[in-house]
mmCIF file of all heavy atoms, coordinates in Angstrom:
data_MODEL
# 
_entry.id   MODEL 
# 
loop_
_atom_site.group_PDB 
_atom_site.id 
_atom_site.type_symbol 
_atom_site.label_atom_id 
_atom_site.label_alt_id 
_atom_site.label_comp_id 
_atom_site.label_asym_id 
_atom_site.label_entity_id 
_atom_site.label_seq_id 
_atom_site.pdbx_PDB_ins_code 
_atom_site.Cartn_x 
_atom_site.Cartn_y 
_atom_site.Cartn_z 
_atom_site.occupancy 
_atom_site.B_iso_or_equiv 
_atom_site.pdbx_formal_charge 
_atom_site.auth_seq_id 
_atom_site.auth_comp_id 
_atom_site.auth_asym_id 
_atom_site.auth_atom_id 
_atom_site.pdbx_PDB_model_num 
ATOM 1   N N   . ALA A 1 1  ? 0.831  -1.247 -0.020  1.00 0.00 ? 1  ALA A N   1 
ATOM 2   C CA  . ALA A 1 1  ? -0.020 -0.009 0.000   1.00 0.00 ? 1  ALA A CA  1 
ATOM 3   C C   . ALA A 1 1  ? 0.904  1.279  -0.040  1.00 0.00 ? 1  ALA A C   1 
ATOM 4   O O   . ALA A 1 1  ? 0.597  2.217  -0.717  1.00 0.00 ? 1  ALA A O   1 
ATOM 5   C CB  . ALA A 1 1  ? -0.905 -0.024 1.235   1.00 0.00 ? 1  ALA A CB  1 
ATOM 6   N N   . LYS A 1 2  ? 1.973  1.235  0.761   1.00 0.00 ? 2  LYS A N   1 
ATOM 7   C CA  . LYS A 1 2  ? 2.895  2.393  0.804   1.00 0.00 ? 2  LYS A CA  1 
ATOM 8   C C   . LYS A 1 2  ? 3.481  2.568  -0.546  1.00 0.00 ? 2  LYS A C   1 
ATOM 9   O O   . LYS A 1 2  ? 3.597  3.718  -1.042  1.00 0.00 ? 2  LYS A O   1 
ATOM 10  C CB  . LYS A 1 2  ? 3.967  2.163  1.842   1.00 0.00 ? 2  LYS A CB  1 
ATOM 11  C CG  . LYS A 1 2  ? 3.560  2.307  3.257   1.00 0.00 ? 2  LYS A CG  1 
ATOM 12  C CD  . LYS A 1 2  ? 4.662  2.039  4.223   1.00 0.00 ? 2  LYS A CD  1 
ATOM 13  C CE  . LYS A 1 2  ? 4.225  2.037  5.711   1.00 0.00 ? 2  LYS A CE  1 
ATOM 14  N NZ  . LYS A 1 2  ? 5.348  1.781  6.634   1.00 0.00 ? 2  LYS A NZ  1 
ATOM 15  N N   . ARG A 1 3  ? 3.920  1.448  -1.221  1.00 0.00 ? 3  ARG A N   1 
ATOM 16  C CA  . ARG A 1 3  ? 4.507  1.624  -2.567  1.00 0.00 ? 3  ARG A CA  1 
ATOM 17  C C   . ARG A 1 3  ? 3.528  2.129  -3.508  1.00 0.00 ? 3  ARG A C   1 
ATOM 18  O O   . ARG A 1 3  ? 3.871  3.033  -4.320  1.00 0.00 ? 3  ARG A O   1 
ATOM 19  C CB  . ARG A 1 3  ? 5.065  0.243  -3.023  1.00 0.00 ? 3  ARG A CB  1 
ATOM 20  C CG  . ARG A 1 3  ? 6.439  -0.098 -2.491  1.00 0.00 ? 3  ARG A CG  1 
ATOM 21  C CD  . ARG A 1 3  ? 7.055  -1.288 -3.279  1.00 0.00 ? 3  ARG A CD  1 
ATOM 22  N NE  . ARG A 1 3  ? 6.282  -2.454 -3.179  1.00 0.00 ? 3  ARG A NE  1 
ATOM 23  C CZ  . ARG A 1 3  ? 6.398  -3.394 -2.174  1.00 0.00 ? 3  ARG A CZ  1 
ATOM 24  N NH1 . ARG A 1 3  ? 7.293  -3.194 -1.289  1.00 0.00 ? 3  ARG A NH1 1 
ATOM 25  N NH2 . ARG A 1 3  ? 5.676  -4.498 -2.154  1.00 0.00 ? 3  ARG A NH2 1 
ATOM 26  N N   . SER A 1 4  ? 2.363  1.680  -3.452  1.00 0.00 ? 4  SER A N   1 
ATOM 27  C CA  . SER A 1 4  ? 1.307  2.141  -4.362  1.00 0.00 ? 4  SER A CA  1 
ATOM 28  C C   . SER A 1 4  ? 0.992  3.641  -4.161  1.00 0.00 ? 4  SER A C   1 
ATOM 29  O O   . SER A 1 4  ? 0.848  4.392  -5.173  1.00 0.00 ? 4  SER A O   1 
ATOM 30  C CB  . SER A 1 4  ? -0.023 1.350  -4.159  1.00 0.00 ? 4  SER A CB  1 
ATOM 31  O OG  . SER A 1 4  ? 0.136  0.038  -4.508  1.00 0.00 ? 4  SER A OG  1 
ATOM 32  N N   . GLU A 1 5  ? 0.937  4.029  -2.910  1.00 0.00 ? 5  GLU A N   1 
ATOM 33  C CA  . GLU A 1 5  ? 0.689  5.425  -2.590  1.00 0.00 ? 5  GLU A CA  1 
ATOM 34  C C   . GLU A 1 5  ? 1.826  6.349  -3.133  1.00 0.00 ? 5  GLU A C   1 
ATOM 35  O O   . GLU A 1 5  ? 1.644  7.376  -3.700  1.00 0.00 ? 5  GLU A O   1 
ATOM 36  C CB  . GLU A 1 5  ? 0.588  5.601  -1.060  1.00 0.00 ? 5  GLU A CB  1 
ATOM 37  C CG  . GLU A 1 5  ? 0.303  6.988  -0.642  1.00 0.00 ? 5  GLU A CG  1 
ATOM 38  C CD  . GLU A 1 5  ? -1.041 7.550  -1.037  1.00 0.00 ? 5  GLU A CD  1 
ATOM 39  O OE1 . GLU A 1 5  ? -1.928 6.720  -1.468  1.00 0.00 ? 5  GLU A OE1 1 
ATOM 40  O OE2 . GLU A 1 5  ? -1.280 8.762  -0.972  1.00 0.00 ? 5  GLU A OE2 1 
ATOM 41  N N   . SER A 1 6  ? 3.070  5.887  -2.965  1.00 0.00 ? 6  SER A N   1 
ATOM 42  C CA  . SER A 1 6  ? 4.243  6.662  -3.426  1.00 0.00 ? 6  SER A CA  1 
ATOM 43  C C   . SER A 1 6  ? 4.237  6.741  -4.938  1.00 0.00 ? 6  SER A C   1 
ATOM 44  O O   . SER A 1 6  ? 4.524  7.825  -5.518  1.00 0.00 ? 6  SER A O   1 
ATOM 45  C CB  . SER A 1 6  ? 5.550  6.149  -2.894  1.00 0.00 ? 6  SER A CB  1 
ATOM 46  O OG  . SER A 1 6  ? 5.799  4.814  -3.405  1.00 0.00 ? 6  SER A OG  1 
ATOM 47  N N   . VAL A 1 7  ? 3.865  5.664  -5.640  1.00 0.00 ? 7  VAL A N   1 
ATOM 48  C CA  . VAL A 1 7  ? 3.763  5.734  -7.084  1.00 0.00 ? 7  VAL A CA  1 
ATOM 49  C C   . VAL A 1 7  ? 2.672  6.646  -7.536  1.00 0.00 ? 7  VAL A C   1 
ATOM 50  O O   . VAL A 1 7  ? 2.905  7.475  -8.446  1.00 0.00 ? 7  VAL A O   1 
ATOM 51  C CB  . VAL A 1 7  ? 3.515  4.305  -7.586  1.00 0.00 ? 7  VAL A CB  1 
ATOM 52  C CG1 . VAL A 1 7  ? 3.146  4.278  -9.109  1.00 0.00 ? 7  VAL A CG1 1 
ATOM 53  C CG2 . VAL A 1 7  ? 4.753  3.417  -7.446  1.00 0.00 ? 7  VAL A CG2 1 
ATOM 54  N N   . ARG A 1 8  ? 1.519  6.662  -6.818  1.00 0.00 ? 8  ARG A N   1 
ATOM 55  C CA  . ARG A 1 8  ? 0.437  7.529  -7.182  1.00 0.00 ? 8  ARG A CA  1 
ATOM 56  C C   . ARG A 1 8  ? 0.853  8.997  -6.947  1.00 0.00 ? 8  ARG A C   1 
ATOM 57  O O   . ARG A 1 8  ? 0.524  9.889  -7.778  1.00 0.00 ? 8  ARG A O   1 
ATOM 58  C CB  . ARG A 1 8  ? -0.754 7.226  -6.288  1.00 0.00 ? 8  ARG A CB  1 
ATOM 59  C CG  . ARG A 1 8  ? -2.010 8.043  -6.644  1.00 0.00 ? 8  ARG A CG  1 
ATOM 60  C CD  . ARG A 1 8  ? -3.191 7.760  -5.698  1.00 0.00 ? 8  ARG A CD  1 
ATOM 61  N NE  . ARG A 1 8  ? -2.834 8.184  -4.340  1.00 0.00 ? 8  ARG A NE  1 
ATOM 62  C CZ  . ARG A 1 8  ? -2.817 9.460  -3.925  1.00 0.00 ? 8  ARG A CZ  1 
ATOM 63  N NH1 . ARG A 1 8  ? -3.137 10.453 -4.665  1.00 0.00 ? 8  ARG A NH1 1 
ATOM 64  N NH2 . ARG A 1 8  ? -2.532 9.693  -2.638  1.00 0.00 ? 8  ARG A NH2 1 
ATOM 65  N N   . ILE A 1 9  ? 1.494  9.272  -5.887  1.00 0.00 ? 9  ILE A N   1 
ATOM 66  C CA  . ILE A 1 9  ? 1.936  10.611 -5.572  1.00 0.00 ? 9  ILE A CA  1 
ATOM 67  C C   . ILE A 1 9  ? 2.909  11.115 -6.614  1.00 0.00 ? 9  ILE A C   1 
ATOM 68  O O   . ILE A 1 9  ? 2.831  12.262 -7.142  1.00 0.00 ? 9  ILE A O   1 
ATOM 69  C CB  . ILE A 1 9  ? 2.550  10.707 -4.159  1.00 0.00 ? 9  ILE A CB  1 
ATOM 70  C CG1 . ILE A 1 9  ? 1.462  10.604 -3.118  1.00 0.00 ? 9  ILE A CG1 1 
ATOM 71  C CG2 . ILE A 1 9  ? 3.292  12.033 -3.976  1.00 0.00 ? 9  ILE A CG2 1 
ATOM 72  C CD1 . ILE A 1 9  ? 1.912  10.437 -1.684  1.00 0.00 ? 9  ILE A CD1 1 
ATOM 73  N N   . LEU A 1 10 ? 3.858  10.247 -6.950  1.00 0.00 ? 10 LEU A N   1 
ATOM 74  C CA  . LEU A 1 10 ? 4.837  10.596 -8.029  1.00 0.00 ? 10 LEU A CA  1 
ATOM 75  C C   . LEU A 1 10 ? 4.176  10.876 -9.349  1.00 0.00 ? 10 LEU A C   1 
ATOM 76  O O   . LEU A 1 10 ? 4.475  11.890 -10.058 1.00 0.00 ? 10 LEU A O   1 
ATOM 77  C CB  . LEU A 1 10 ? 5.866  9.464  -8.169  1.00 0.00 ? 10 LEU A CB  1 
ATOM 78  C CG  . LEU A 1 10 ? 6.950  9.662  -9.233  1.00 0.00 ? 10 LEU A CG  1 
ATOM 79  C CD1 . LEU A 1 10 ? 7.805  10.837 -8.871  1.00 0.00 ? 10 LEU A CD1 1 
ATOM 80  C CD2 . LEU A 1 10 ? 7.820  8.432  -9.307  1.00 0.00 ? 10 LEU A CD2 1 
ATOM 81  N N   . PHE A 1 11 ? 3.213  10.081 -9.690  1.00 0.00 ? 11 PHE A N   1 
ATOM 82  C CA  . PHE A 1 11 ? 2.413  10.273 -10.905 1.00 0.00 ? 11 PHE A CA  1 
ATOM 83  C C   . PHE A 1 11 ? 1.726  11.656 -10.844 1.00 0.00 ? 11 PHE A C   1 
ATOM 84  O O   . PHE A 1 11 ? 1.720  12.431 -11.865 1.00 0.00 ? 11 PHE A O   1 
ATOM 85  C CB  . PHE A 1 11 ? 1.424  9.114  -11.182 1.00 0.00 ? 11 PHE A CB  1 
ATOM 86  C CG  . PHE A 1 11 ? 0.494  9.375  -12.253 1.00 0.00 ? 11 PHE A CG  1 
ATOM 87  C CD1 . PHE A 1 11 ? 0.893  9.268  -13.596 1.00 0.00 ? 11 PHE A CD1 1 
ATOM 88  C CD2 . PHE A 1 11 ? -0.783 9.841  -12.011 1.00 0.00 ? 11 PHE A CD2 1 
ATOM 89  C CE1 . PHE A 1 11 ? 0.015  9.467  -14.627 1.00 0.00 ? 11 PHE A CE1 1 
ATOM 90  C CE2 . PHE A 1 11 ? -1.658 10.132 -13.106 1.00 0.00 ? 11 PHE A CE2 1 
ATOM 91  C CZ  . PHE A 1 11 ? -1.240 9.899  -14.370 1.00 0.00 ? 11 PHE A CZ  1 
ATOM 92  N N   . GLU A 1 12 ? 1.048  11.920 -9.703  1.00 0.00 ? 12 GLU A N   1 
ATOM 93  C CA  . GLU A 1 12 ? 0.309  13.185 -9.648  1.00 0.00 ? 12 GLU A CA  1 
ATOM 94  C C   . GLU A 1 12 ? 1.250  14.362 -9.744  1.00 0.00 ? 12 GLU A C   1 
ATOM 95  O O   . GLU A 1 12 ? 0.878  15.368 -10.351 1.00 0.00 ? 12 GLU A O   1 
ATOM 96  C CB  . GLU A 1 12 ? -0.492 13.195 -8.316  1.00 0.00 ? 12 GLU A CB  1 
ATOM 97  C CG  . GLU A 1 12 ? -1.661 12.292 -8.340  1.00 0.00 ? 12 GLU A CG  1 
ATOM 98  C CD  . GLU A 1 12 ? -2.381 12.218 -7.019  1.00 0.00 ? 12 GLU A CD  1 
ATOM 99  O OE1 . GLU A 1 12 ? -1.898 12.803 -5.984  1.00 0.00 ? 12 GLU A OE1 1 
ATOM 100 O OE2 . GLU A 1 12 ? -3.466 11.607 -7.000  1.00 0.00 ? 12 GLU A OE2 1 
ATOM 101 N N   . GLU A 1 13 ? 2.448  14.280 -9.106  1.00 0.00 ? 13 GLU A N   1 
ATOM 102 C CA  . GLU A 1 13 ? 3.402  15.358 -9.217  1.00 0.00 ? 13 GLU A CA  1 
ATOM 103 C C   . GLU A 1 13 ? 3.844  15.622 -10.665 1.00 0.00 ? 13 GLU A C   1 
ATOM 104 O O   . GLU A 1 13 ? 3.932  16.739 -11.109 1.00 0.00 ? 13 GLU A O   1 
ATOM 105 C CB  . GLU A 1 13 ? 4.635  15.112 -8.325  1.00 0.00 ? 13 GLU A CB  1 
ATOM 106 C CG  . GLU A 1 13 ? 4.366  15.216 -6.846  1.00 0.00 ? 13 GLU A CG  1 
ATOM 107 C CD  . GLU A 1 13 ? 5.479  14.770 -5.953  1.00 0.00 ? 13 GLU A CD  1 
ATOM 108 O OE1 . GLU A 1 13 ? 6.493  14.274 -6.519  1.00 0.00 ? 13 GLU A OE1 1 
ATOM 109 O OE2 . GLU A 1 13 ? 5.393  14.902 -4.755  1.00 0.00 ? 13 GLU A OE2 1 
ATOM 110 N N   . ARG A 1 14 ? 4.215  14.501 -11.374 1.00 0.00 ? 14 ARG A N   1 
ATOM 111 C CA  . ARG A 1 14 ? 4.640  14.634 -12.744 1.00 0.00 ? 14 ARG A CA  1 
ATOM 112 C C   . ARG A 1 14 ? 3.502  15.140 -13.623 1.00 0.00 ? 14 ARG A C   1 
ATOM 113 O O   . ARG A 1 14 ? 3.766  15.949 -14.484 1.00 0.00 ? 14 ARG A O   1 
ATOM 114 C CB  . ARG A 1 14 ? 5.064  13.233 -13.279 1.00 0.00 ? 14 ARG A CB  1 
ATOM 115 C CG  . ARG A 1 14 ? 6.397  12.788 -12.693 1.00 0.00 ? 14 ARG A CG  1 
ATOM 116 C CD  . ARG A 1 14 ? 6.808  11.479 -13.269 1.00 0.00 ? 14 ARG A CD  1 
ATOM 117 N NE  . ARG A 1 14 ? 8.051  11.079 -12.691 1.00 0.00 ? 14 ARG A NE  1 
ATOM 118 C CZ  . ARG A 1 14 ? 8.622  9.850  -12.830 1.00 0.00 ? 14 ARG A CZ  1 
ATOM 119 N NH1 . ARG A 1 14 ? 7.921  8.977  -13.529 1.00 0.00 ? 14 ARG A NH1 1 
ATOM 120 N NH2 . ARG A 1 14 ? 9.810  9.629  -12.351 1.00 0.00 ? 14 ARG A NH2 1 
ATOM 121 N N   . GLU A 1 15 ? 2.275  14.686 -13.340 1.00 0.00 ? 15 GLU A N   1 
ATOM 122 C CA  . GLU A 1 15 ? 1.160  15.194 -14.105 1.00 0.00 ? 15 GLU A CA  1 
ATOM 123 C C   . GLU A 1 15 ? 0.929  16.717 -13.854 1.00 0.00 ? 15 GLU A C   1 
ATOM 124 O O   . GLU A 1 15 ? 0.727  17.483 -14.854 1.00 0.00 ? 15 GLU A O   1 
ATOM 125 C CB  . GLU A 1 15 ? -0.149 14.474 -13.720 1.00 0.00 ? 15 GLU A CB  1 
ATOM 126 C CG  . GLU A 1 15 ? -1.360 14.820 -14.519 1.00 0.00 ? 15 GLU A CG  1 
ATOM 127 C CD  . GLU A 1 15 ? -2.544 14.037 -14.152 1.00 0.00 ? 15 GLU A CD  1 
ATOM 128 O OE1 . GLU A 1 15 ? -2.744 13.756 -12.918 1.00 0.00 ? 15 GLU A OE1 1 
ATOM 129 O OE2 . GLU A 1 15 ? -3.302 13.671 -15.062 1.00 0.00 ? 15 GLU A OE2 1 
ATOM 130 N N   . ARG A 1 16 ? 1.030  17.134 -12.588 1.00 0.00 ? 16 ARG A N   1 
ATOM 131 C CA  . ARG A 1 16 ? 0.912  18.544 -12.278 1.00 0.00 ? 16 ARG A CA  1 
ATOM 132 C C   . ARG A 1 16 ? 2.009  19.356 -12.977 1.00 0.00 ? 16 ARG A C   1 
ATOM 133 O O   . ARG A 1 16 ? 1.733  20.420 -13.519 1.00 0.00 ? 16 ARG A O   1 
ATOM 134 C CB  . ARG A 1 16 ? 1.023  18.674 -10.784 1.00 0.00 ? 16 ARG A CB  1 
ATOM 135 C CG  . ARG A 1 16 ? 0.450  19.999 -10.217 1.00 0.00 ? 16 ARG A CG  1 
ATOM 136 C CD  . ARG A 1 16 ? 0.463  20.097 -8.700  1.00 0.00 ? 16 ARG A CD  1 
ATOM 137 N NE  . ARG A 1 16 ? -0.062 18.823 -8.087  1.00 0.00 ? 16 ARG A NE  1 
ATOM 138 C CZ  . ARG A 1 16 ? 0.695  18.073 -7.254  1.00 0.00 ? 16 ARG A CZ  1 
ATOM 139 N NH1 . ARG A 1 16 ? 1.943  18.281 -7.051  1.00 0.00 ? 16 ARG A NH1 1 
ATOM 140 N NH2 . ARG A 1 16 ? 0.131  16.981 -6.689  1.00 0.00 ? 16 ARG A NH2 1 
ATOM 141 N N   . ASP A 1 17 ? 3.257  18.860 -12.973 1.00 0.00 ? 17 ASP A N   1 
ATOM 142 C CA  . ASP A 1 17 ? 4.355  19.525 -13.675 1.00 0.00 ? 17 ASP A CA  1 
ATOM 143 C C   . ASP A 1 17 ? 4.091  19.687 -15.194 1.00 0.00 ? 17 ASP A C   1 
ATOM 144 O O   . ASP A 1 17 ? 4.351  20.713 -15.762 1.00 0.00 ? 17 ASP A O   1 
ATOM 145 C CB  . ASP A 1 17 ? 5.675  18.888 -13.413 1.00 0.00 ? 17 ASP A CB  1 
ATOM 146 C CG  . ASP A 1 17 ? 6.122  18.961 -11.970 1.00 0.00 ? 17 ASP A CG  1 
ATOM 147 O OD1 . ASP A 1 17 ? 5.613  19.801 -11.244 1.00 0.00 ? 17 ASP A OD1 1 
ATOM 148 O OD2 . ASP A 1 17 ? 7.091  18.122 -11.571 1.00 0.00 ? 17 ASP A OD2 1 
ATOM 149 N N   . TRP A 1 18 ? 3.590  18.587 -15.736 1.00 0.00 ? 18 TRP A N   1 
ATOM 150 C CA  . TRP A 1 18 ? 3.364  18.582 -17.148 1.00 0.00 ? 18 TRP A CA  1 
ATOM 151 C C   . TRP A 1 18 ? 2.235  19.619 -17.545 1.00 0.00 ? 18 TRP A C   1 
ATOM 152 O O   . TRP A 1 18 ? 2.354  20.366 -18.486 1.00 0.00 ? 18 TRP A O   1 
ATOM 153 C CB  . TRP A 1 18 ? 2.864  17.196 -17.611 1.00 0.00 ? 18 TRP A CB  1 
ATOM 154 C CG  . TRP A 1 18 ? 2.648  17.088 -19.102 1.00 0.00 ? 18 TRP A CG  1 
ATOM 155 C CD1 . TRP A 1 18 ? 3.594  16.882 -20.087 1.00 0.00 ? 18 TRP A CD1 1 
ATOM 156 C CD2 . TRP A 1 18 ? 1.377  17.121 -19.729 1.00 0.00 ? 18 TRP A CD2 1 
ATOM 157 N NE1 . TRP A 1 18 ? 2.955  16.890 -21.296 1.00 0.00 ? 18 TRP A NE1 1 
ATOM 158 C CE2 . TRP A 1 18 ? 1.611  17.026 -21.145 1.00 0.00 ? 18 TRP A CE2 1 
ATOM 159 C CE3 . TRP A 1 18 ? 0.095  17.354 -19.331 1.00 0.00 ? 18 TRP A CE3 1 
ATOM 160 C CZ2 . TRP A 1 18 ? 0.634  17.057 -22.086 1.00 0.00 ? 18 TRP A CZ2 1 
ATOM 161 C CZ3 . TRP A 1 18 ? -0.931 17.398 -20.247 1.00 0.00 ? 18 TRP A CZ3 1 
ATOM 162 C CH2 . TRP A 1 18 ? -0.582 17.275 -21.631 1.00 0.00 ? 18 TRP A CH2 1 
ATOM 163 N N   . ILE A 1 19 ? 1.153  19.636 -16.710 1.00 0.00 ? 19 ILE A N   1 
ATOM 164 C CA  . ILE A 1 19 ? 0.043  20.550 -16.979 1.00 0.00 ? 19 ILE A CA  1 
ATOM 165 C C   . ILE A 1 19 ? 0.609  22.002 -16.822 1.00 0.00 ? 19 ILE A C   1 
ATOM 166 O O   . ILE A 1 19 ? 0.234  22.858 -17.639 1.00 0.00 ? 19 ILE A O   1 
ATOM 167 C CB  . ILE A 1 19 ? -1.079 20.325 -15.932 1.00 0.00 ? 19 ILE A CB  1 
ATOM 168 C CG1 . ILE A 1 19 ? -1.844 18.979 -16.314 1.00 0.00 ? 19 ILE A CG1 1 
ATOM 169 C CG2 . ILE A 1 19 ? -2.051 21.412 -15.985 1.00 0.00 ? 19 ILE A CG2 1 
ATOM 170 C CD1 . ILE A 1 19 ? -2.820 18.495 -15.292 1.00 0.00 ? 19 ILE A CD1 1 
ATOM 171 N N   . GLU A 1 20 ? 1.418  22.249 -15.816 1.00 0.00 ? 20 GLU A N   1 
ATOM 172 C CA  . GLU A 1 20 ? 1.955  23.568 -15.652 1.00 0.00 ? 20 GLU A CA  1 
ATOM 173 C C   . GLU A 1 20 ? 2.836  23.956 -16.834 1.00 0.00 ? 20 GLU A C   1 
ATOM 174 O O   . GLU A 1 20 ? 2.748  25.079 -17.367 1.00 0.00 ? 20 GLU A O   1 
ATOM 175 C CB  . GLU A 1 20 ? 2.803  23.627 -14.346 1.00 0.00 ? 20 GLU A CB  1 
ATOM 176 C CG  . GLU A 1 20 ? 3.325  24.989 -14.012 1.00 0.00 ? 20 GLU A CG  1 
ATOM 177 C CD  . GLU A 1 20 ? 4.104  24.955 -12.694 1.00 0.00 ? 20 GLU A CD  1 
ATOM 178 O OE1 . GLU A 1 20 ? 3.623  24.262 -11.781 1.00 0.00 ? 20 GLU A OE1 1 
ATOM 179 O OE2 . GLU A 1 20 ? 5.128  25.586 -12.640 1.00 0.00 ? 20 GLU A OE2 1 
ATOM 180 N N   . ALA A 1 21 ? 3.642  23.044 -17.327 1.00 0.00 ? 21 ALA A N   1 
ATOM 181 C CA  . ALA A 1 21 ? 4.461  23.308 -18.468 1.00 0.00 ? 21 ALA A CA  1 
ATOM 182 C C   . ALA A 1 21 ? 3.612  23.636 -19.726 1.00 0.00 ? 21 ALA A C   1 
ATOM 183 O O   . ALA A 1 21 ? 3.954  24.557 -20.504 1.00 0.00 ? 21 ALA A O   1 
ATOM 184 C CB  . ALA A 1 21 ? 5.376  22.125 -18.761 1.00 0.00 ? 21 ALA A CB  1 
ATOM 185 N N   . MET A 1 22 ? 2.514  22.894 -19.924 1.00 0.00 ? 22 MET A N   1 
ATOM 186 C CA  . MET A 1 22 ? 1.592  23.130 -21.039 1.00 0.00 ? 22 MET A CA  1 
ATOM 187 C C   . MET A 1 22 ? 1.019  24.501 -20.929 1.00 0.00 ? 22 MET A C   1 
ATOM 188 O O   . MET A 1 22 ? 0.774  25.237 -21.939 1.00 0.00 ? 22 MET A O   1 
ATOM 189 C CB  . MET A 1 22 ? 0.563  22.022 -21.154 1.00 0.00 ? 22 MET A CB  1 
ATOM 190 C CG  . MET A 1 22 ? 1.036  20.685 -21.512 1.00 0.00 ? 22 MET A CG  1 
ATOM 191 S SD  . MET A 1 22 ? 1.848  20.687 -23.149 1.00 0.00 ? 22 MET A SD  1 
ATOM 192 C CE  . MET A 1 22 ? 3.582  20.579 -22.674 1.00 0.00 ? 22 MET A CE  1 
ATOM 193 N N   . GLU A 1 23 ? 0.623  24.922 -19.701 1.00 0.00 ? 23 GLU A N   1 
ATOM 194 C CA  . GLU A 1 23 ? 0.010  26.193 -19.510 1.00 0.00 ? 23 GLU A CA  1 
ATOM 195 C C   . GLU A 1 23 ? 0.943  27.304 -19.807 1.00 0.00 ? 23 GLU A C   1 
ATOM 196 O O   . GLU A 1 23 ? 0.592  28.388 -20.374 1.00 0.00 ? 23 GLU A O   1 
ATOM 197 C CB  . GLU A 1 23 ? -0.526 26.342 -18.067 1.00 0.00 ? 23 GLU A CB  1 
ATOM 198 C CG  . GLU A 1 23 ? -1.750 25.507 -17.779 1.00 0.00 ? 23 GLU A CG  1 
ATOM 199 C CD  . GLU A 1 23 ? -2.158 25.486 -16.338 1.00 0.00 ? 23 GLU A CD  1 
ATOM 200 O OE1 . GLU A 1 23 ? -1.375 26.010 -15.430 1.00 0.00 ? 23 GLU A OE1 1 
ATOM 201 O OE2 . GLU A 1 23 ? -3.240 24.997 -16.028 1.00 0.00 ? 23 GLU A OE2 1 
ATOM 202 N N   . ILE A 1 24 ? 2.227  27.141 -19.386 1.00 0.00 ? 24 ILE A N   1 
ATOM 203 C CA  . ILE A 1 24 ? 3.298  28.123 -19.680 1.00 0.00 ? 24 ILE A CA  1 
ATOM 204 C C   . ILE A 1 24 ? 3.472  28.238 -21.236 1.00 0.00 ? 24 ILE A C   1 
ATOM 205 O O   . ILE A 1 24 ? 3.563  29.383 -21.713 1.00 0.00 ? 24 ILE A O   1 
ATOM 206 C CB  . ILE A 1 24 ? 4.563  27.736 -19.032 1.00 0.00 ? 24 ILE A CB  1 
ATOM 207 C CG1 . ILE A 1 24 ? 4.480  27.906 -17.502 1.00 0.00 ? 24 ILE A CG1 1 
ATOM 208 C CG2 . ILE A 1 24 ? 5.788  28.526 -19.515 1.00 0.00 ? 24 ILE A CG2 1 
ATOM 209 C CD1 . ILE A 1 24 ? 5.584  27.353 -16.674 1.00 0.00 ? 24 ILE A CD1 1 
ATOM 210 N N   . ARG A 1 25 ? 3.492  27.089 -21.873 1.00 0.00 ? 25 ARG A N   1 
ATOM 211 C CA  . ARG A 1 25 ? 3.678  27.099 -23.370 1.00 0.00 ? 25 ARG A CA  1 
ATOM 212 C C   . ARG A 1 25 ? 2.474  27.828 -24.044 1.00 0.00 ? 25 ARG A C   1 
ATOM 213 O O   . ARG A 1 25 ? 2.625  28.584 -24.995 1.00 0.00 ? 25 ARG A O   1 
ATOM 214 C CB  . ARG A 1 25 ? 3.731  25.670 -23.920 1.00 0.00 ? 25 ARG A CB  1 
ATOM 215 C CG  . ARG A 1 25 ? 5.132  25.027 -23.613 1.00 0.00 ? 25 ARG A CG  1 
ATOM 216 C CD  . ARG A 1 25 ? 5.163  23.636 -24.146 1.00 0.00 ? 25 ARG A CD  1 
ATOM 217 N NE  . ARG A 1 25 ? 5.054  23.575 -25.638 1.00 0.00 ? 25 ARG A NE  1 
ATOM 218 C CZ  . ARG A 1 25 ? 4.970  22.468 -26.281 1.00 0.00 ? 25 ARG A CZ  1 
ATOM 219 N NH1 . ARG A 1 25 ? 5.002  21.288 -25.677 1.00 0.00 ? 25 ARG A NH1 1 
ATOM 220 N NH2 . ARG A 1 25 ? 4.903  22.450 -27.616 1.00 0.00 ? 25 ARG A NH2 1 
ATOM 221 N N   . LYS A 1 26 ? 1.278  27.573 -23.451 1.00 0.00 ? 26 LYS A N   1 
ATOM 222 C CA  . LYS A 1 26 ? 0.104  28.176 -24.074 1.00 0.00 ? 26 LYS A CA  1 
ATOM 223 C C   . LYS A 1 26 ? 0.151  29.711 -23.843 1.00 0.00 ? 26 LYS A C   1 
ATOM 224 O O   . LYS A 1 26 ? -0.109 30.521 -24.770 1.00 0.00 ? 26 LYS A O   1 
ATOM 225 C CB  . LYS A 1 26 ? -1.111 27.610 -23.383 1.00 0.00 ? 26 LYS A CB  1 
ATOM 226 C CG  . LYS A 1 26 ? -2.479 28.174 -23.968 1.00 0.00 ? 26 LYS A CG  1 
ATOM 227 C CD  . LYS A 1 26 ? -3.662 27.506 -23.259 1.00 0.00 ? 26 LYS A CD  1 
ATOM 228 C CE  . LYS A 1 26 ? -4.951 28.031 -23.802 1.00 0.00 ? 26 LYS A CE  1 
ATOM 229 N NZ  . LYS A 1 26 ? -6.127 27.450 -23.161 1.00 0.00 ? 26 LYS A NZ  1 
# 
């Protein structure tokens, strides 16, 4: 469960960074 949670958090952080980068490009 801890591993799954850390993977989920990492995914969400990367997704947030990607969305932010796309907004900056826009």
